Protein backbone atom coordinates (compact mmCIF):
# COMPACT_ATOMS: atom_id res chain seq x y z
CA UNK A 1 -288.28 72.80 -217.67
CA UNK A 2 -287.69 74.90 -214.57
CA UNK A 3 -288.60 71.92 -212.36
CA UNK A 4 -286.17 69.64 -214.24
CA UNK A 5 -283.35 72.13 -213.79
CA UNK A 6 -284.03 72.31 -210.03
CA UNK A 7 -284.00 68.50 -209.77
CA UNK A 8 -280.68 68.27 -211.60
CA UNK A 9 -279.27 70.90 -209.15
CA UNK A 10 -280.29 68.90 -206.09
CA UNK A 11 -278.69 65.78 -207.55
CA UNK A 12 -275.41 67.64 -208.14
CA UNK A 13 -275.35 68.95 -204.63
CA UNK A 14 -276.03 65.49 -203.24
CA UNK A 15 -273.25 63.97 -205.33
CA UNK A 16 -270.90 66.68 -204.11
CA UNK A 17 -271.78 66.12 -200.42
CA UNK A 18 -271.93 62.32 -200.27
CA UNK A 19 -268.33 61.68 -201.45
CA UNK A 20 -267.03 64.11 -198.80
CA UNK A 21 -269.00 62.31 -196.12
CA UNK A 22 -267.86 58.93 -197.39
CA UNK A 23 -264.20 59.96 -197.29
CA UNK A 24 -264.31 61.15 -193.63
CA UNK A 25 -262.98 58.81 -190.87
CA UNK A 26 -265.86 57.23 -189.01
CA UNK A 27 -266.13 58.25 -185.32
CA UNK A 28 -264.36 55.83 -182.96
CA UNK A 29 -266.50 54.00 -180.45
CA UNK A 30 -265.38 54.23 -176.81
CA UNK A 31 -265.60 50.86 -175.10
CA UNK A 32 -267.24 50.93 -171.69
CA UNK A 33 -265.51 48.72 -169.15
CA UNK A 34 -267.88 46.57 -167.16
CA UNK A 35 -268.11 47.53 -163.47
CA UNK A 36 -266.93 44.71 -161.27
CA UNK A 37 -266.88 44.98 -157.47
CA UNK A 38 -263.59 43.49 -156.17
CA UNK A 39 -263.29 43.21 -152.38
CA UNK A 40 -260.15 44.79 -150.88
CA UNK A 41 -257.96 42.12 -149.34
CA UNK A 42 -255.79 42.86 -146.25
CA UNK A 43 -252.10 43.25 -146.94
CA UNK A 44 -250.18 40.14 -145.96
CA UNK A 45 -246.97 40.99 -144.07
CA UNK A 46 -243.76 39.60 -145.47
CA UNK A 47 -242.83 36.31 -143.79
CA UNK A 48 -240.01 36.55 -141.27
CA UNK A 49 -236.84 34.81 -142.29
CA UNK A 50 -233.94 34.31 -139.95
CA UNK A 51 -230.51 32.74 -139.73
CA UNK A 52 -227.96 32.22 -136.97
CA UNK A 53 -224.73 34.14 -136.40
CA UNK A 54 -222.15 33.02 -133.85
CA UNK A 55 -219.14 34.77 -132.32
CA UNK A 56 -216.55 33.41 -129.89
CA UNK A 57 -212.98 34.14 -128.93
CA UNK A 58 -210.39 33.17 -126.33
CA UNK A 59 -207.54 35.07 -124.67
CA UNK A 60 -209.38 38.42 -124.58
CA UNK A 61 -208.79 41.11 -121.96
CA UNK A 62 -211.22 43.75 -120.69
CA UNK A 63 -213.13 44.29 -123.96
CA UNK A 64 -212.70 43.17 -127.54
CA UNK A 65 -214.55 43.26 -130.86
CA UNK A 66 -214.87 39.78 -132.36
CA UNK A 67 -215.73 38.73 -135.91
CA UNK A 68 -219.17 37.10 -136.17
CA UNK A 69 -219.87 34.24 -138.55
CA UNK A 70 -222.45 36.40 -140.38
CA UNK A 71 -223.29 40.13 -140.25
CA UNK A 72 -225.60 41.30 -137.48
CA UNK A 73 -227.36 43.75 -139.79
CA UNK A 74 -230.97 42.66 -139.38
CA UNK A 75 -233.07 42.43 -136.24
CA UNK A 76 -230.83 40.63 -133.78
CA UNK A 77 -232.12 38.37 -131.00
CA UNK A 78 -229.64 36.88 -128.53
CA UNK A 79 -229.96 33.10 -128.30
CA UNK A 80 -227.36 32.68 -125.55
CA UNK A 81 -224.06 33.88 -124.12
CA UNK A 82 -221.19 32.76 -121.90
CA UNK A 83 -218.15 34.38 -120.24
CA UNK A 84 -215.34 32.62 -118.40
CA UNK A 85 -212.12 33.95 -116.87
CA UNK A 86 -209.18 31.73 -117.82
CA UNK A 87 -206.99 32.69 -114.85
CA UNK A 88 -209.30 31.95 -111.93
CA UNK A 89 -212.26 33.88 -110.52
CA UNK A 90 -212.31 37.65 -110.03
CA UNK A 91 -214.39 40.51 -108.76
CA UNK A 92 -216.49 42.21 -111.42
CA UNK A 93 -216.27 45.67 -112.96
CA UNK A 94 -217.91 45.04 -116.33
CA UNK A 95 -219.59 42.29 -118.32
CA UNK A 96 -221.47 42.45 -121.58
CA UNK A 97 -222.08 41.37 -125.15
CA UNK A 98 -223.06 44.07 -127.66
CA UNK A 99 -224.21 43.33 -131.26
CA UNK A 100 -222.42 45.54 -133.81
CA UNK A 101 -222.63 44.79 -137.55
CA UNK A 102 -219.92 42.19 -138.21
CA UNK A 103 -217.94 42.82 -134.99
CA UNK A 104 -219.90 42.27 -131.76
CA UNK A 105 -218.09 43.32 -128.58
CA UNK A 106 -217.40 41.14 -125.53
CA UNK A 107 -216.38 42.63 -122.17
CA UNK A 108 -215.50 40.87 -118.90
CA UNK A 109 -213.13 42.45 -116.40
CA UNK A 110 -212.30 43.35 -112.83
CA UNK A 111 -210.87 46.74 -111.81
CA UNK A 112 -207.72 46.66 -113.95
CA UNK A 113 -208.91 44.56 -116.89
CA UNK A 114 -205.70 42.54 -117.22
CA UNK A 115 -207.21 39.06 -116.78
CA UNK A 116 -207.81 36.91 -119.84
CA UNK A 117 -211.24 35.49 -120.61
CA UNK A 118 -213.07 33.46 -123.24
CA UNK A 119 -216.57 34.23 -124.42
CA UNK A 120 -219.22 33.04 -126.83
CA UNK A 121 -222.59 34.35 -128.02
CA UNK A 122 -225.14 33.57 -130.69
CA UNK A 123 -227.89 35.58 -132.36
CA UNK A 124 -230.87 34.88 -134.57
CA UNK A 125 -230.77 37.57 -137.27
CA UNK A 126 -234.34 38.26 -138.47
CA UNK A 127 -235.56 39.93 -141.65
CA UNK A 128 -238.34 41.81 -139.82
CA UNK A 129 -238.66 43.60 -136.52
CA UNK A 130 -237.53 46.73 -134.76
CA UNK A 131 -234.37 47.23 -132.66
CA UNK A 132 -233.36 49.70 -129.98
CA UNK A 133 -231.17 50.27 -126.95
CA UNK A 134 -231.45 52.14 -123.68
CA UNK A 135 -228.84 53.16 -121.08
CA UNK A 136 -229.44 54.02 -117.43
CA UNK A 137 -227.58 54.16 -114.13
CA UNK A 138 -228.63 53.24 -110.62
CA UNK A 139 -228.02 50.56 -108.05
CA UNK A 140 -229.56 47.34 -106.82
CA UNK A 141 -232.59 46.45 -108.92
CA UNK A 142 -234.60 48.96 -110.93
CA UNK A 143 -236.77 49.24 -114.04
CA UNK A 144 -236.10 51.12 -117.27
CA UNK A 145 -238.96 52.21 -119.54
CA UNK A 146 -238.16 51.54 -123.19
CA UNK A 147 -238.50 54.47 -125.64
CA UNK A 148 -241.68 54.46 -127.71
CA UNK A 149 -243.56 52.07 -125.47
CA UNK A 150 -245.06 48.76 -126.52
CA UNK A 151 -245.05 47.79 -130.20
CA UNK A 152 -248.41 46.17 -130.96
CA UNK A 153 -248.28 42.65 -132.37
CA UNK A 154 -244.66 42.11 -131.31
CA UNK A 155 -242.70 40.31 -128.59
CA UNK A 156 -239.77 41.90 -126.78
CA UNK A 157 -236.48 39.97 -126.93
CA UNK A 158 -232.93 40.64 -125.79
CA UNK A 159 -230.22 41.57 -128.32
CA UNK A 160 -227.36 42.32 -125.93
CA UNK A 161 -226.40 44.00 -122.66
CA UNK A 162 -223.54 45.51 -120.71
CA UNK A 163 -223.17 46.17 -116.98
CA UNK A 164 -220.41 48.52 -115.92
CA UNK A 165 -219.33 49.61 -112.46
CA UNK A 166 -217.23 52.72 -111.96
CA UNK A 167 -213.80 52.60 -113.58
CA UNK A 168 -210.95 51.37 -111.37
CA UNK A 169 -213.45 49.74 -108.99
CA UNK A 170 -214.93 46.25 -108.75
CA UNK A 171 -216.92 44.10 -106.35
CA UNK A 172 -218.27 40.62 -105.77
CA UNK A 173 -221.58 39.57 -107.30
CA UNK A 174 -224.64 38.38 -105.42
CA UNK A 175 -227.20 38.79 -108.20
CA UNK A 176 -227.26 39.94 -111.81
CA UNK A 177 -229.89 39.97 -114.54
CA UNK A 178 -231.88 41.61 -117.31
CA UNK A 179 -235.60 40.84 -117.61
CA UNK A 180 -237.79 42.23 -120.40
CA UNK A 181 -241.54 42.78 -120.12
CA UNK A 182 -243.34 43.01 -123.49
CA UNK A 183 -246.68 44.14 -122.06
CA UNK A 184 -245.19 47.02 -120.09
CA UNK A 185 -242.27 47.78 -122.45
CA UNK A 186 -239.74 47.75 -119.62
CA UNK A 187 -236.39 46.21 -118.77
CA UNK A 188 -235.76 45.19 -115.17
CA UNK A 189 -232.02 45.19 -114.40
CA UNK A 190 -230.15 44.00 -111.33
CA UNK A 191 -226.51 43.94 -110.20
CA UNK A 192 -225.80 43.59 -106.49
CA UNK A 193 -223.17 42.50 -104.04
CA UNK A 194 -223.60 42.29 -100.24
CA UNK A 195 -222.85 45.99 -99.78
CA UNK A 196 -225.11 48.14 -97.63
CA UNK A 197 -226.95 47.86 -94.29
CA UNK A 198 -230.32 47.38 -96.01
CA UNK A 199 -229.21 44.59 -98.32
CA UNK A 200 -230.52 41.76 -96.14
CA UNK A 201 -234.11 43.01 -96.39
CA UNK A 202 -233.82 43.38 -100.15
CA UNK A 203 -232.13 39.99 -100.35
CA UNK A 204 -235.10 38.34 -98.64
CA UNK A 205 -237.55 39.93 -101.07
CA UNK A 206 -235.65 38.89 -104.18
CA UNK A 207 -234.62 35.58 -102.66
CA UNK A 208 -238.20 34.62 -101.90
CA UNK A 209 -239.19 35.41 -105.47
CA UNK A 210 -236.53 33.08 -106.81
CA UNK A 211 -236.62 30.46 -104.06
CA UNK A 212 -240.41 30.27 -104.04
CA UNK A 213 -240.93 30.09 -107.78
CA UNK A 214 -242.53 26.84 -108.99
CA UNK A 215 -240.69 25.00 -111.72
CA UNK A 216 -241.33 26.67 -115.04
CA UNK A 217 -242.63 29.89 -113.50
CA UNK A 218 -240.99 33.02 -112.15
CA UNK A 219 -243.22 35.71 -110.75
CA UNK A 220 -241.65 38.53 -108.80
CA UNK A 221 -244.01 39.80 -106.12
CA UNK A 222 -245.40 43.30 -106.12
CA UNK A 223 -243.38 43.93 -102.95
CA UNK A 224 -240.18 43.29 -104.91
CA UNK A 225 -240.92 46.00 -107.44
CA UNK A 226 -242.32 48.47 -104.88
CA UNK A 227 -239.31 48.02 -102.63
CA UNK A 228 -236.89 48.44 -105.53
CA UNK A 229 -238.66 51.55 -106.82
CA UNK A 230 -238.81 53.13 -103.36
CA UNK A 231 -235.12 52.63 -102.77
CA UNK A 232 -234.14 53.99 -106.16
CA UNK A 233 -236.42 57.01 -105.65
CA UNK A 234 -234.92 57.68 -102.22
CA UNK A 235 -231.45 57.70 -103.74
CA UNK A 236 -230.41 54.52 -101.97
CA UNK A 237 -229.53 52.99 -105.33
CA UNK A 238 -226.59 55.36 -105.49
CA UNK A 239 -225.86 55.29 -101.78
CA UNK A 240 -226.41 52.01 -100.00
CA UNK A 241 -226.21 50.04 -103.22
CA UNK A 242 -223.13 50.15 -105.35
CA UNK A 243 -223.89 52.23 -108.47
CA UNK A 244 -223.53 50.91 -111.99
CA UNK A 245 -224.43 51.83 -115.55
CA UNK A 246 -226.27 49.39 -117.79
CA UNK A 247 -227.09 49.32 -121.48
CA UNK A 248 -229.82 47.01 -122.73
CA UNK A 249 -230.06 46.21 -126.45
CA UNK A 250 -233.46 44.83 -127.41
CA UNK A 251 -235.66 43.95 -130.38
CA UNK A 252 -239.39 43.79 -131.08
CA UNK A 253 -240.09 40.59 -133.04
CA UNK A 254 -243.46 40.04 -134.84
CA UNK A 255 -245.85 37.72 -133.04
CA UNK A 256 -246.25 35.87 -136.35
CA UNK A 257 -242.62 34.75 -136.06
CA UNK A 258 -242.98 33.36 -132.53
CA UNK A 259 -244.27 29.88 -131.77
CA UNK A 260 -244.50 30.46 -128.01
CA UNK A 261 -242.77 31.71 -124.86
CA UNK A 262 -241.75 30.04 -121.61
CA UNK A 263 -239.81 30.61 -118.40
CA UNK A 264 -237.26 28.17 -116.97
CA UNK A 265 -235.90 28.12 -113.41
CA UNK A 266 -233.41 26.01 -111.55
CA UNK A 267 -231.01 25.51 -108.66
CA UNK A 268 -228.42 23.54 -110.60
CA UNK A 269 -227.01 23.66 -114.11
CA UNK A 270 -230.22 22.34 -115.74
CA UNK A 271 -233.89 23.46 -115.43
CA UNK A 272 -235.60 22.26 -112.25
CA UNK A 273 -238.50 20.84 -114.25
CA UNK A 274 -236.19 18.81 -116.46
CA UNK A 275 -237.58 20.38 -119.62
CA UNK A 276 -235.17 21.52 -122.31
CA UNK A 277 -234.69 25.04 -123.63
CA UNK A 278 -236.67 25.55 -126.88
CA UNK A 279 -234.78 24.58 -130.06
CA UNK A 280 -235.17 28.01 -131.68
CA UNK A 281 -235.17 29.98 -128.46
CA UNK A 282 -234.15 33.65 -128.21
CA UNK A 283 -233.70 35.23 -124.79
CA UNK A 284 -236.28 37.52 -123.20
CA UNK A 285 -234.46 37.68 -119.88
CA UNK A 286 -232.13 36.04 -117.38
CA UNK A 287 -231.40 36.39 -113.66
CA UNK A 288 -228.82 34.73 -111.39
CA UNK A 289 -228.64 34.74 -107.60
CA UNK A 290 -226.19 33.25 -105.09
CA UNK A 291 -228.22 32.04 -102.09
CA UNK A 292 -225.51 32.24 -99.41
CA UNK A 293 -223.39 35.37 -100.01
CA UNK A 294 -221.73 37.33 -102.77
CA UNK A 295 -218.77 35.84 -104.66
CA UNK A 296 -216.10 36.40 -107.24
CA UNK A 297 -217.12 35.27 -110.72
CA UNK A 298 -215.43 32.65 -112.84
CA UNK A 299 -218.17 31.64 -115.26
CA UNK A 300 -221.57 33.04 -116.21
CA UNK A 301 -223.85 32.18 -119.10
CA UNK A 302 -227.16 30.97 -120.53
CA UNK A 303 -226.42 28.27 -123.10
CA UNK A 304 -229.02 28.38 -125.85
CA UNK A 305 -229.39 25.35 -128.18
CA UNK A 306 -228.23 27.32 -131.22
CA UNK A 307 -224.90 28.35 -129.66
CA UNK A 308 -221.57 26.97 -130.84
CA UNK A 309 -219.26 26.35 -127.91
CA UNK A 310 -215.50 26.54 -128.63
CA UNK A 311 -213.05 24.07 -127.03
CA UNK A 312 -211.97 26.82 -124.62
CA UNK A 313 -215.49 26.75 -123.11
CA UNK A 314 -216.27 23.10 -122.40
CA UNK A 315 -219.67 22.16 -120.98
CA UNK A 316 -220.70 19.35 -118.69
CA UNK A 317 -223.43 17.00 -119.94
CA UNK A 318 -226.84 18.59 -119.55
CA UNK A 319 -225.43 21.96 -118.52
CA UNK A 320 -227.56 24.86 -119.80
CA UNK A 321 -226.43 27.65 -117.46
CA UNK A 322 -223.14 28.58 -115.82
CA UNK A 323 -222.85 30.75 -112.69
CA UNK A 324 -220.03 30.14 -110.24
CA UNK A 325 -216.79 31.25 -108.66
CA UNK A 326 -213.78 28.91 -108.62
CA UNK A 327 -215.92 25.98 -107.52
CA UNK A 328 -219.53 24.79 -107.51
CA UNK A 329 -220.16 24.56 -103.78
CA UNK A 330 -222.35 27.69 -103.53
CA UNK A 331 -226.10 27.50 -103.77
CA UNK A 332 -227.65 29.31 -106.72
CA UNK A 333 -231.05 30.18 -108.14
CA UNK A 334 -231.61 31.24 -111.71
CA UNK A 335 -234.30 31.99 -114.25
CA UNK A 336 -234.31 32.40 -118.02
CA UNK A 337 -237.15 33.40 -120.36
CA UNK A 338 -237.23 32.39 -124.03
CA UNK A 339 -239.36 33.12 -127.10
CA UNK A 340 -239.27 30.17 -129.49
CA UNK A 341 -239.05 31.28 -133.14
CA UNK A 342 -241.00 29.48 -135.82
CA UNK A 343 -238.76 27.71 -138.37
CA UNK A 344 -237.43 30.16 -140.91
CA UNK A 345 -239.11 30.16 -144.33
CA UNK A 346 -236.18 29.75 -146.71
């Protein structure tokens, strides 16, 4: 009897426990994600897109902001420029084209700035890149180191420039130019007339570099740069050479956006080699030189293929540069460097 009562007790306890266990929520299983090794892929840079913005105006005096066809709010690369006095040739105090949002500035004037001029410029406005500007003063030819040094994987291109002699002064022009060096992150600038007892020696050095350059190549000799640096360091840039201030606006453009680079030289209004400027070319530098003596200026420009030329600035057939006084009887040498952009991915 005692054993039967114990058995019935165990059964009761079991019946009491089992329903409580049955009514409890079952434990949730935690899924284990399979481990899959995925290789890390390099980040692909955004493709560079670009479009063209033009600006031109007539009947300007001294300096004027001009409405561009599209805002210059990206990375700007100058494709070409041109300035022409409309009242005959003049000595030079200032010349420049400066990119500024929607209103780039043109300047072209002698000492009093009362002579009218027409001007045109064009830019490729890129979605990628890095811009900057640098200002310096000196005389003759000298180099300017660009802030920050070289940007790896990028080409250096020109966005704008302005040369400016002292106010209320002017002078003839023998040579003028801006030349950018991507590898060294420098801008070589030059603005000279025939002033100074040492000019003839400097003229021979620069002249030989331009006169002796094979078609399609322009290589300034080491003597050119050493001579220029020595004279600037000795203070001759501000003594024997007429002083000026210069601002260079530049941009670093990704190598992936550039199809190639080339240098063009000539003694007339077209390249000596007969080859054409690149269709999507943006300027990396330009230099002009009168071979006989200094002169007033009437017209100066590098005419890139993407420029729009207004009726006030007519061009002769095949003309890709302009550099002259009131006529075309003076010998000239010139050089222009271009980076050719890849077609924009729209």
